[in-house]
Amino acid sequence: MGTQFLVRYSILLTMLVIGAAVAQQPSAGGIETIDRIVAVVNENVVTRQELNEVLRATLKQLQKQGVQPPAPAILEKQLLERIILNRVQLQLAKETGLTVSDTELDQTLRRIAQENKMTMPEFYSALERDGISFNKFRNEIRDEIILVRLKEREVNNRVNVTEGEVDNFLHSQEGSSNHDDEYRLAHILIQLPEQANVSQIADRRLRAEAALAQLQNGADFARVAAEFSESSDAMDGGLLDWRPGGQLTKKFAEILAPMKPGEITPVIQTQAGLHILKLVDRRNQKSGETTVNQTHARHILVKISELTSEADARRRIVELKERLDHGGKFDELARLHSEDASAPSGGDLGWLSPGDTVPEFERAMSTLKPGQISEPVQSPFGWHLINVIDHRTKDVSQERQRQSARQAIRARKADAAFQEWLQRLRDRAYVEYRLEEG
């Protein structure tokens, strides 16, 4: 099967596959290397064994991709810095009480198995065949969920998009011949320290120009990214998912507009750092009239948490369903008992289009007629009762256009804000390197 199956689950970052490496093996001659500290991160440490595990898994990953790895000393430093970045984020999460319950974690593992069409025993066996300890894998999943939630709390939830920004975005796109274009990019990021001075910027630019020189001399982009890039996707060749032109910064969009697939940009400086982009591919997604079937629905949600087990949540939702069956008013019970942000409005979710909710919710909702209330429905968020108010067919071209614009603006602002936040967090951490001691 291989660890590549993990990429189907959206929250799993590259460090998950790296972190789930096999345990350290004995060195030649049957003598095991004594573990030691290679870095101190605030009040925590990174050991040689941890770094070796990541190094072995990364080399295996690069070999699968057919990418020549950087020199060992360079690769070690790159990977150590990635471990440090993860460590400072997890430390902040712990200090601020951000946790993931065992129940939530078990649900996530079940979903990963289901996404890969496996039972849990089959899933355990697949991990075992790959030489991956299930307990270690479980802990890595927990950490990745925490990292995603930390980013949501510290960055994404603080990004606001105004209607004026949406209007300006749409207006600026009207005269653009490539506003329907989507880009497949690879990138190299050289980060700049918080409040970097002229000397620091010049030093970092020399590093970026050295990477660009290798590319201009015909070096493979993935290999140069693995050696130079300080982004979390460096070991994946810096490859990014397809992105709408509107999601890119204005500077990036202007530079990429006339480029052809395969071409590489000069060094581009932004607040997040110094960038080199490769246009891997581009495609045009013309937006026409979009007619969809919508459902006006409301719901009651009981979440599963450390304080509420799955059985308790289901029992509560069953009790609420019984009260509704005996004449209880849906909006009143939603206001009193729902644990969703829609509770103050009686659980009203407004008009929902396909894809607006998770699959479990959408499947149950689609079977209901106006006025009907569902049986208890389980989703990743907990247990729901769904009440369909009405169905309709509507042209949502303009709504979708504004929604796409809002998402593009939010993604652009969130990307920049996350890089700045991560750099500040790293700059403020106490880090002592001991890599050269062995």
Protein backbone atom coordinates (compact mmCIF):
# COMPACT_ATOMS: atom_id res chain seq x y z
CA MET A 1 0.00 0.00 0.00
CA GLY A 2 2.70 2.54 0.98
CA THR A 3 2.35 5.66 3.07
CA GLN A 4 1.11 7.60 0.03
CA PHE A 5 -2.45 6.67 0.97
CA LEU A 6 -2.36 9.38 3.63
CA VAL A 7 -2.55 12.22 1.12
CA ARG A 8 -6.24 11.49 0.60
CA TYR A 9 -6.99 12.93 4.01
CA SER A 10 -6.85 16.71 3.89
CA ILE A 11 -5.39 17.46 7.32
CA LEU A 12 -2.33 15.23 6.84
CA LEU A 13 0.70 17.34 6.01
CA THR A 14 4.00 16.10 4.68
CA MET A 15 5.45 15.95 8.18
CA LEU A 16 2.91 13.24 9.01
CA VAL A 17 4.48 10.81 6.55
CA ILE A 18 7.94 11.89 7.66
CA GLY A 19 7.10 11.65 11.35
CA ALA A 20 5.63 8.17 10.95
CA ALA A 21 8.98 6.68 10.02
CA VAL A 22 10.25 3.33 11.21
CA ALA A 23 12.08 3.15 14.52
CA GLN A 24 15.84 3.68 14.60
CA GLN A 25 17.82 0.68 13.48
CA PRO A 26 21.18 -0.54 14.88
CA SER A 27 24.31 0.80 13.25
CA ALA A 28 26.86 -1.37 11.48
CA GLY A 29 28.47 -4.05 13.59
CA GLY A 30 25.37 -4.40 15.79
CA ILE A 31 26.34 -1.41 17.99
CA GLU A 32 23.50 1.05 18.58
CA THR A 33 24.29 4.76 18.54
CA ILE A 34 23.67 6.40 21.91
CA ASP A 35 20.96 8.99 21.52
CA ARG A 36 21.86 12.62 22.12
CA ILE A 37 20.42 16.12 21.82
CA VAL A 38 20.74 17.92 18.46
CA ALA A 39 18.66 21.00 19.36
CA VAL A 40 17.03 22.66 22.35
CA VAL A 41 13.68 24.31 21.61
CA ASN A 42 12.52 26.45 24.53
CA GLU A 43 12.22 23.86 27.33
CA ASN A 44 12.12 20.90 24.95
CA VAL A 45 14.74 18.95 23.03
CA VAL A 46 15.13 17.28 19.64
CA THR A 47 17.18 14.09 19.72
CA ARG A 48 19.48 12.52 17.15
CA GLN A 49 17.11 9.53 16.97
CA GLU A 50 14.16 11.78 16.08
CA LEU A 51 16.19 13.50 13.38
CA ASN A 52 17.45 10.19 12.00
CA GLU A 53 13.90 8.83 11.74
CA VAL A 54 12.81 11.89 9.78
CA LEU A 55 15.95 11.74 7.63
CA ARG A 56 15.40 8.08 6.67
CA ALA A 57 11.76 8.65 5.80
CA THR A 58 12.58 11.76 3.75
CA LEU A 59 15.28 9.97 1.76
CA LYS A 60 12.80 7.17 1.06
CA GLN A 61 10.20 9.73 -0.04
CA LEU A 62 12.64 11.57 -2.34
CA GLN A 63 13.75 8.25 -3.84
CA LYS A 64 10.12 7.36 -4.64
CA GLN A 65 9.72 10.74 -6.36
CA GLY A 66 12.94 10.29 -8.31
CA VAL A 67 14.44 13.43 -6.75
CA GLN A 68 18.17 13.62 -6.02
CA PRO A 69 18.53 14.61 -2.35
CA PRO A 70 20.68 17.56 -1.25
CA ALA A 71 24.01 16.98 0.49
CA PRO A 72 23.47 15.18 3.83
CA ALA A 73 24.53 18.16 5.98
CA ILE A 74 22.17 20.50 4.11
CA LEU A 75 19.27 18.03 4.27
CA GLU A 76 19.76 17.50 8.01
CA LYS A 77 19.64 21.23 8.70
CA GLN A 78 16.50 21.63 6.55
CA LEU A 79 14.72 18.80 8.34
CA LEU A 80 15.84 19.94 11.78
CA GLU A 81 14.36 23.37 11.11
CA ARG A 82 11.04 21.76 10.12
CA ILE A 83 11.01 19.74 13.33
CA ILE A 84 11.70 22.95 15.29
CA LEU A 85 8.84 24.77 13.57
CA ASN A 86 6.44 21.95 14.44
CA ARG A 87 7.76 21.79 17.99
CA VAL A 88 7.21 25.51 18.74
CA GLN A 89 3.66 25.30 17.39
CA LEU A 90 2.84 22.25 19.50
CA GLN A 91 4.35 23.93 22.56
CA LEU A 92 2.09 26.96 22.05
CA ALA A 93 -0.93 24.68 21.62
CA LYS A 94 -0.12 22.89 24.88
CA GLU A 95 0.44 26.15 26.78
CA THR A 96 -2.93 27.47 25.62
CA GLY A 97 -4.86 24.27 26.39
CA LEU A 98 -5.50 23.13 22.81
CA THR A 99 -6.12 19.38 22.88
CA VAL A 100 -7.72 16.56 20.88
CA SER A 101 -9.82 14.01 22.77
CA ASP A 102 -9.28 10.27 22.33
CA THR A 103 -12.81 10.01 20.97
CA GLU A 104 -12.15 12.61 18.25
CA LEU A 105 -8.85 10.94 17.41
CA ASP A 106 -10.47 7.51 17.07
CA GLN A 107 -13.14 8.98 14.78
CA THR A 108 -10.44 10.53 12.60
CA LEU A 109 -8.58 7.24 12.31
CA ARG A 110 -11.80 5.46 11.35
CA ARG A 111 -12.42 8.08 8.65
CA ILE A 112 -8.91 7.65 7.25
CA ALA A 113 -9.48 3.90 7.05
CA GLN A 114 -12.91 4.40 5.42
CA GLU A 115 -11.48 6.88 2.89
CA ASN A 116 -9.07 4.16 1.87
CA LYS A 117 -11.83 1.51 1.81
CA MET A 118 -10.39 -0.45 4.73
CA THR A 119 -11.67 -1.86 7.96
CA MET A 120 -9.71 -0.92 11.07
CA PRO A 121 -7.97 -4.35 11.26
CA GLU A 122 -6.97 -3.96 7.58
CA PHE A 123 -5.71 -0.47 8.38
CA TYR A 124 -3.56 -1.76 11.27
CA SER A 125 -2.12 -4.45 8.99
CA ALA A 126 -1.32 -1.91 6.26
CA LEU A 127 0.60 0.26 8.71
CA GLU A 128 2.43 -2.78 10.05
CA ARG A 129 3.47 -3.80 6.51
CA ASP A 130 4.92 -0.32 6.05
CA GLY A 131 6.89 -0.71 9.27
CA ILE A 132 4.89 2.01 11.04
CA SER A 133 4.00 1.71 14.72
CA PHE A 134 0.27 2.30 15.15
CA ASN A 135 0.77 4.18 18.44
CA LYS A 136 3.33 6.45 16.83
CA PHE A 137 1.04 7.00 13.85
CA ARG A 138 -1.83 7.78 16.21
CA ASN A 139 0.25 10.38 18.04
CA GLU A 140 1.34 11.95 14.76
CA ILE A 141 -2.31 12.25 13.69
CA ARG A 142 -3.15 13.90 17.02
CA ASP A 143 -0.33 16.43 16.52
CA GLU A 144 -1.44 17.21 12.97
CA ILE A 145 -5.03 17.85 14.08
CA ILE A 146 -3.70 20.17 16.79
CA LEU A 147 -1.54 22.04 14.25
CA VAL A 148 -4.53 22.54 11.93
CA ARG A 149 -6.70 23.79 14.80
CA LEU A 150 -3.93 26.06 16.05
CA LYS A 151 -3.66 27.64 12.59
CA GLU A 152 -7.44 28.05 12.48
CA ARG A 153 -7.48 29.74 15.89
CA GLU A 154 -4.39 31.91 15.61
CA VAL A 155 -4.65 32.90 11.94
CA ASN A 156 -7.62 31.83 9.83
CA ASN A 157 -10.34 32.83 12.30
CA ARG A 158 -8.83 36.31 12.54
CA VAL A 159 -8.94 36.93 8.80
CA ASN A 160 -11.90 39.11 7.83
CA VAL A 161 -13.16 39.83 4.33
CA THR A 162 -15.44 42.83 3.82
CA GLU A 163 -18.10 43.21 1.14
CA GLY A 164 -16.13 46.20 -0.13
CA GLU A 165 -13.09 43.97 -0.68
CA VAL A 166 -15.26 41.52 -2.61
CA ASP A 167 -16.67 44.35 -4.77
CA ASN A 168 -13.18 45.71 -5.49
CA PHE A 169 -11.90 42.22 -6.30
CA LEU A 170 -14.71 41.53 -8.79
CA HIS A 171 -14.33 44.96 -10.34
CA SER A 172 -10.59 44.49 -10.83
CA GLN A 173 -11.19 41.06 -12.40
CA GLU A 174 -13.67 42.37 -15.01
CA GLY A 175 -10.93 43.84 -17.17
CA SER A 176 -8.53 40.97 -16.69
CA SER A 177 -8.18 38.53 -19.56
CA ASN A 178 -6.88 35.77 -17.28
CA HIS A 179 -9.17 36.04 -14.26
CA ASP A 180 -10.62 32.61 -15.04
CA ASP A 181 -7.18 30.99 -15.16
CA GLU A 182 -6.05 28.47 -12.58
CA TYR A 183 -2.38 27.84 -11.90
CA ARG A 184 -0.42 24.75 -10.90
CA LEU A 185 2.74 26.07 -9.27
CA ALA A 186 5.90 24.90 -7.58
CA HIS A 187 7.66 27.32 -5.28
CA ILE A 188 10.79 27.95 -3.26
CA LEU A 189 10.47 30.13 -0.16
CA ILE A 190 13.38 31.79 1.62
CA GLN A 191 11.98 33.24 4.83
CA LEU A 192 12.89 36.66 6.23
CA PRO A 193 13.27 37.18 9.99
CA GLU A 194 10.72 39.38 11.75
CA GLN A 195 11.75 43.04 11.32
CA ALA A 196 14.73 41.99 9.18
CA ASN A 197 17.40 44.63 8.68
CA VAL A 198 19.12 45.50 5.39
CA SER A 199 22.03 43.14 6.05
CA GLN A 200 19.72 40.19 6.85
CA ILE A 201 17.63 40.81 3.73
CA ALA A 202 20.78 40.99 1.59
CA ASP A 203 22.07 37.73 3.08
CA ARG A 204 18.77 35.93 2.45
CA ARG A 205 18.61 37.33 -1.09
CA LEU A 206 22.04 35.84 -1.82
CA ARG A 207 20.61 32.44 -0.82
CA ALA A 208 17.57 32.95 -3.09
CA GLU A 209 19.75 34.08 -6.00
CA ALA A 210 21.96 31.01 -5.53
CA ALA A 211 18.89 28.79 -5.85
CA LEU A 212 17.74 30.72 -8.94
CA ALA A 213 21.19 30.38 -10.53
CA GLN A 214 21.03 26.60 -10.18
CA LEU A 215 17.58 26.57 -11.80
CA GLN A 216 18.74 28.78 -14.67
CA ASN A 217 21.62 26.36 -15.25
CA GLY A 218 19.13 23.52 -15.72
CA ALA A 219 18.96 22.00 -12.21
CA ASP A 220 15.80 20.06 -11.35
CA PHE A 221 13.32 22.30 -9.50
CA ALA A 222 12.37 19.59 -6.98
CA ARG A 223 16.01 19.03 -6.03
CA VAL A 224 16.67 22.77 -5.61
CA ALA A 225 13.48 23.14 -3.56
CA ALA A 226 14.59 20.29 -1.28
CA GLU A 227 17.93 22.01 -0.75
CA PHE A 228 16.93 25.66 -0.43
CA SER A 229 13.22 26.08 0.32
CA GLU A 230 12.14 26.76 3.89
CA SER A 231 8.49 25.93 3.22
CA SER A 232 6.83 22.83 4.70
CA ASP A 233 6.40 21.37 1.19
CA ALA A 234 10.11 21.60 0.29
CA MET A 235 10.56 17.81 0.25
CA ASP A 236 7.59 17.50 -2.12
CA GLY A 237 9.34 19.67 -4.70
CA GLY A 238 7.49 22.76 -3.48
CA LEU A 239 4.46 21.65 -5.49
CA LEU A 240 1.18 23.45 -4.74
CA ASP A 241 -2.40 22.49 -5.56
CA TRP A 242 -4.27 24.21 -8.38
CA ARG A 243 -5.00 27.81 -7.39
CA PRO A 244 -7.36 30.34 -9.04
CA GLY A 245 -5.59 33.41 -10.35
CA GLY A 246 -7.63 35.52 -7.95
CA GLN A 247 -6.20 33.63 -4.98
CA LEU A 248 -2.70 34.74 -5.82
CA THR A 249 -1.26 38.07 -4.70
CA LYS A 250 -1.49 40.84 -7.28
CA LYS A 251 2.29 40.76 -7.72
CA PHE A 252 2.32 36.99 -8.36
CA ALA A 253 -0.65 37.17 -10.74
CA GLU A 254 0.94 39.95 -12.82
CA ILE A 255 4.22 38.06 -13.15
CA LEU A 256 2.58 34.71 -13.96
CA ALA A 257 0.03 36.08 -16.48
CA PRO A 258 2.36 36.14 -19.54
CA MET A 259 4.36 33.02 -18.53
CA LYS A 260 4.24 29.62 -20.21
CA PRO A 261 4.31 26.24 -18.42
CA GLY A 262 7.86 25.32 -17.47
CA GLU A 263 9.05 28.91 -17.04
CA ILE A 264 10.50 30.22 -13.76
CA THR A 265 10.12 33.65 -12.17
CA PRO A 266 12.92 35.84 -10.87
CA VAL A 267 13.22 36.22 -7.09
CA ILE A 268 10.07 37.93 -5.77
CA GLN A 269 10.09 39.66 -2.38
CA THR A 270 6.95 39.86 -0.21
CA GLN A 271 6.33 40.31 3.51
CA ALA A 272 6.47 36.52 3.90
CA GLY A 273 9.92 36.22 2.36
CA LEU A 274 11.66 35.68 -0.97
CA HIS A 275 9.94 33.46 -3.54
CA ILE A 276 10.83 31.67 -6.76
CA LEU A 277 7.85 30.27 -8.69
CA LYS A 278 7.69 27.72 -11.45
CA LEU A 279 4.58 27.63 -13.62
CA VAL A 280 3.93 23.90 -13.91
CA ASP A 281 0.63 24.22 -15.79
CA ARG A 282 -2.36 26.50 -16.28
CA ARG A 283 -5.96 25.96 -17.29
CA ASN A 284 -9.01 28.11 -17.95
CA GLN A 285 -12.20 27.62 -15.96
CA LYS A 286 -14.90 29.68 -17.66
CA SER A 287 -17.71 30.63 -15.33
CA GLY A 288 -21.15 30.40 -16.88
CA GLU A 289 -24.67 30.17 -15.57
CA THR A 290 -24.86 27.80 -12.62
CA THR A 291 -28.20 26.29 -11.63
CA VAL A 292 -28.24 24.15 -8.50
CA ASN A 293 -30.74 22.43 -6.25
CA GLN A 294 -30.71 24.13 -2.86
CA THR A 295 -32.18 23.13 0.49
CA HIS A 296 -33.25 25.45 3.28
CA ALA A 297 -32.50 23.54 6.48
CA ARG A 298 -31.91 23.89 10.17
CA HIS A 299 -30.30 21.50 12.63
CA ILE A 300 -29.53 20.65 16.24
CA LEU A 301 -25.96 19.54 16.96
CA VAL A 302 -24.60 17.71 20.02
CA LYS A 303 -20.80 17.53 19.87
CA ILE A 304 -18.56 14.72 21.05
CA SER A 305 -15.80 15.92 23.34
CA GLU A 306 -13.71 15.04 26.40
CA LEU A 307 -16.77 15.76 28.53
CA THR A 308 -19.33 14.16 26.22
CA SER A 309 -18.73 10.62 24.96
CA GLU A 310 -20.14 9.36 21.67
CA ALA A 311 -22.76 7.30 23.57
CA ASP A 312 -23.80 10.31 25.70
CA ALA A 313 -24.07 12.55 22.65
CA ARG A 314 -26.25 10.02 20.86
CA ARG A 315 -28.44 9.56 23.94
CA ARG A 316 -28.98 13.32 24.17
CA ILE A 317 -29.87 13.62 20.49
CA VAL A 318 -32.32 10.67 20.76
CA GLU A 319 -34.01 12.38 23.73
CA LEU A 320 -34.34 15.60 21.72
CA LYS A 321 -35.85 13.66 18.79
CA GLU A 322 -38.42 12.16 21.15
CA ARG A 323 -39.36 15.63 22.39
CA LEU A 324 -39.80 16.81 18.79
CA ASP A 325 -41.94 13.75 18.01
CA HIS A 326 -44.18 14.72 20.94
CA GLY A 327 -44.76 18.28 19.78
CA GLY A 328 -41.57 20.10 20.80
CA LYS A 329 -40.67 23.15 18.68
CA PHE A 330 -37.49 22.71 16.64
CA ASP A 331 -36.27 26.31 16.89
CA GLU A 332 -36.75 26.44 20.66
CA LEU A 333 -34.89 23.18 21.26
CA ALA A 334 -32.11 24.30 18.92
CA ARG A 335 -31.65 27.55 20.85
CA LEU A 336 -31.49 25.66 24.15
CA HIS A 337 -29.50 22.56 23.24
CA SER A 338 -27.64 22.92 19.93
CA GLU A 339 -23.87 23.31 20.20
CA ASP A 340 -23.52 24.96 16.80
CA ALA A 341 -23.05 28.65 15.97
CA SER A 342 -26.52 28.56 14.36
CA ALA A 343 -28.20 27.93 17.75
CA PRO A 344 -29.21 31.59 18.40
CA SER A 345 -31.16 31.58 15.11
CA GLY A 346 -32.98 28.34 15.98
CA GLY A 347 -30.47 26.19 14.12
CA ASP A 348 -31.23 27.89 10.79
CA LEU A 349 -28.47 27.23 8.22
CA GLY A 350 -30.08 29.19 5.40
CA TRP A 351 -30.10 27.92 1.81
CA LEU A 352 -27.50 25.20 1.26
CA SER A 353 -26.00 24.21 -2.07
CA PRO A 354 -24.38 20.84 -2.85
CA GLY A 355 -21.00 20.64 -1.13
CA ASP A 356 -21.80 23.23 1.53
CA THR A 357 -22.04 20.56 4.24
CA VAL A 358 -20.17 17.33 5.03
CA PRO A 359 -21.27 14.22 3.04
CA GLU A 360 -23.03 12.50 5.97
CA PHE A 361 -25.17 15.59 6.62
CA GLU A 362 -25.89 16.20 2.93
CA ARG A 363 -26.96 12.59 2.27
CA ALA A 364 -29.43 12.61 5.16
CA MET A 365 -30.76 16.07 4.25
CA SER A 366 -31.33 15.11 0.60
CA THR A 367 -33.79 12.34 1.58
CA LEU A 368 -36.08 14.65 3.57
CA LYS A 369 -39.19 16.38 2.31
CA PRO A 370 -40.14 19.90 3.46
CA GLY A 371 -41.28 19.71 7.09
CA GLN A 372 -39.60 16.39 7.81
CA ILE A 373 -37.11 15.86 10.64
CA SER A 374 -34.34 13.30 10.28
CA GLU A 375 -33.45 10.47 12.59
CA PRO A 376 -30.16 11.08 14.48
CA VAL A 377 -27.33 11.61 11.98
CA GLN A 378 -23.64 11.28 12.86
CA SER A 379 -20.99 13.42 11.17
CA PRO A 380 -17.41 14.42 12.03
CA PHE A 381 -18.91 17.26 14.10
CA GLY A 382 -21.12 15.05 16.30
CA TRP A 383 -24.79 14.02 16.25
CA HIS A 384 -27.42 16.03 14.35
CA LEU A 385 -31.16 16.33 13.93
CA ILE A 386 -31.97 17.92 10.56
CA ASN A 387 -35.18 19.72 9.66
CA VAL A 388 -35.77 20.58 5.98
CA ILE A 389 -37.84 23.71 5.49
CA ASP A 390 -37.92 23.85 1.68
CA HIS A 391 -36.18 22.94 -1.59
CA ARG A 392 -35.61 25.10 -4.65
CA THR A 393 -33.68 25.33 -7.92
CA LYS A 394 -31.78 28.57 -8.37
CA ASP A 395 -29.25 30.25 -10.64
CA VAL A 396 -26.42 30.98 -8.23
CA SER A 397 -23.94 32.39 -10.75
CA GLN A 398 -23.56 35.75 -9.00
CA GLU A 399 -23.65 34.18 -5.53
CA ARG A 400 -20.99 31.68 -6.52
CA GLN A 401 -18.93 34.45 -8.10
CA ARG A 402 -19.00 36.45 -4.88
CA GLN A 403 -18.37 33.34 -2.79
CA SER A 404 -15.37 32.42 -4.96
CA ALA A 405 -14.05 35.96 -4.66
CA ARG A 406 -14.49 35.91 -0.89
CA GLN A 407 -12.70 32.56 -0.64
CA ALA A 408 -9.86 33.78 -2.86
CA ILE A 409 -9.36 36.92 -0.79
CA ARG A 410 -9.53 34.99 2.48
CA ALA A 411 -7.06 32.35 1.26
CA ARG A 412 -4.64 35.01 0.05
CA LYS A 413 -4.79 36.93 3.32
CA ALA A 414 -4.61 33.74 5.41
CA ASP A 415 -1.54 32.45 3.53
CA ALA A 416 0.34 35.69 4.10
CA ALA A 417 -0.81 35.97 7.72
CA PHE A 418 0.21 32.38 8.50
CA GLN A 419 3.73 32.81 7.13
CA GLU A 420 4.17 36.02 9.12
CA TRP A 421 2.75 34.43 12.28
CA LEU A 422 4.93 31.34 11.92
CA GLN A 423 8.05 33.45 11.39
CA ARG A 424 7.26 35.56 14.49
CA LEU A 425 6.70 32.41 16.54
CA ARG A 426 10.01 30.96 15.36
CA ASP A 427 11.95 34.19 15.94
CA ARG A 428 10.67 34.46 19.52
CA ALA A 429 11.55 30.87 20.43
CA TYR A 430 14.78 29.99 22.21
CA VAL A 431 16.63 27.58 19.93
CA GLU A 432 20.09 26.15 20.62
CA TYR A 433 21.64 24.05 17.87
CA ARG A 434 23.88 21.09 18.81
CA LEU A 435 23.86 19.34 15.45
CA GLU A 436 27.58 19.83 14.81
CA GLU A 437 28.62 18.21 18.10
CA GLY A 438 28.45 14.66 16.74
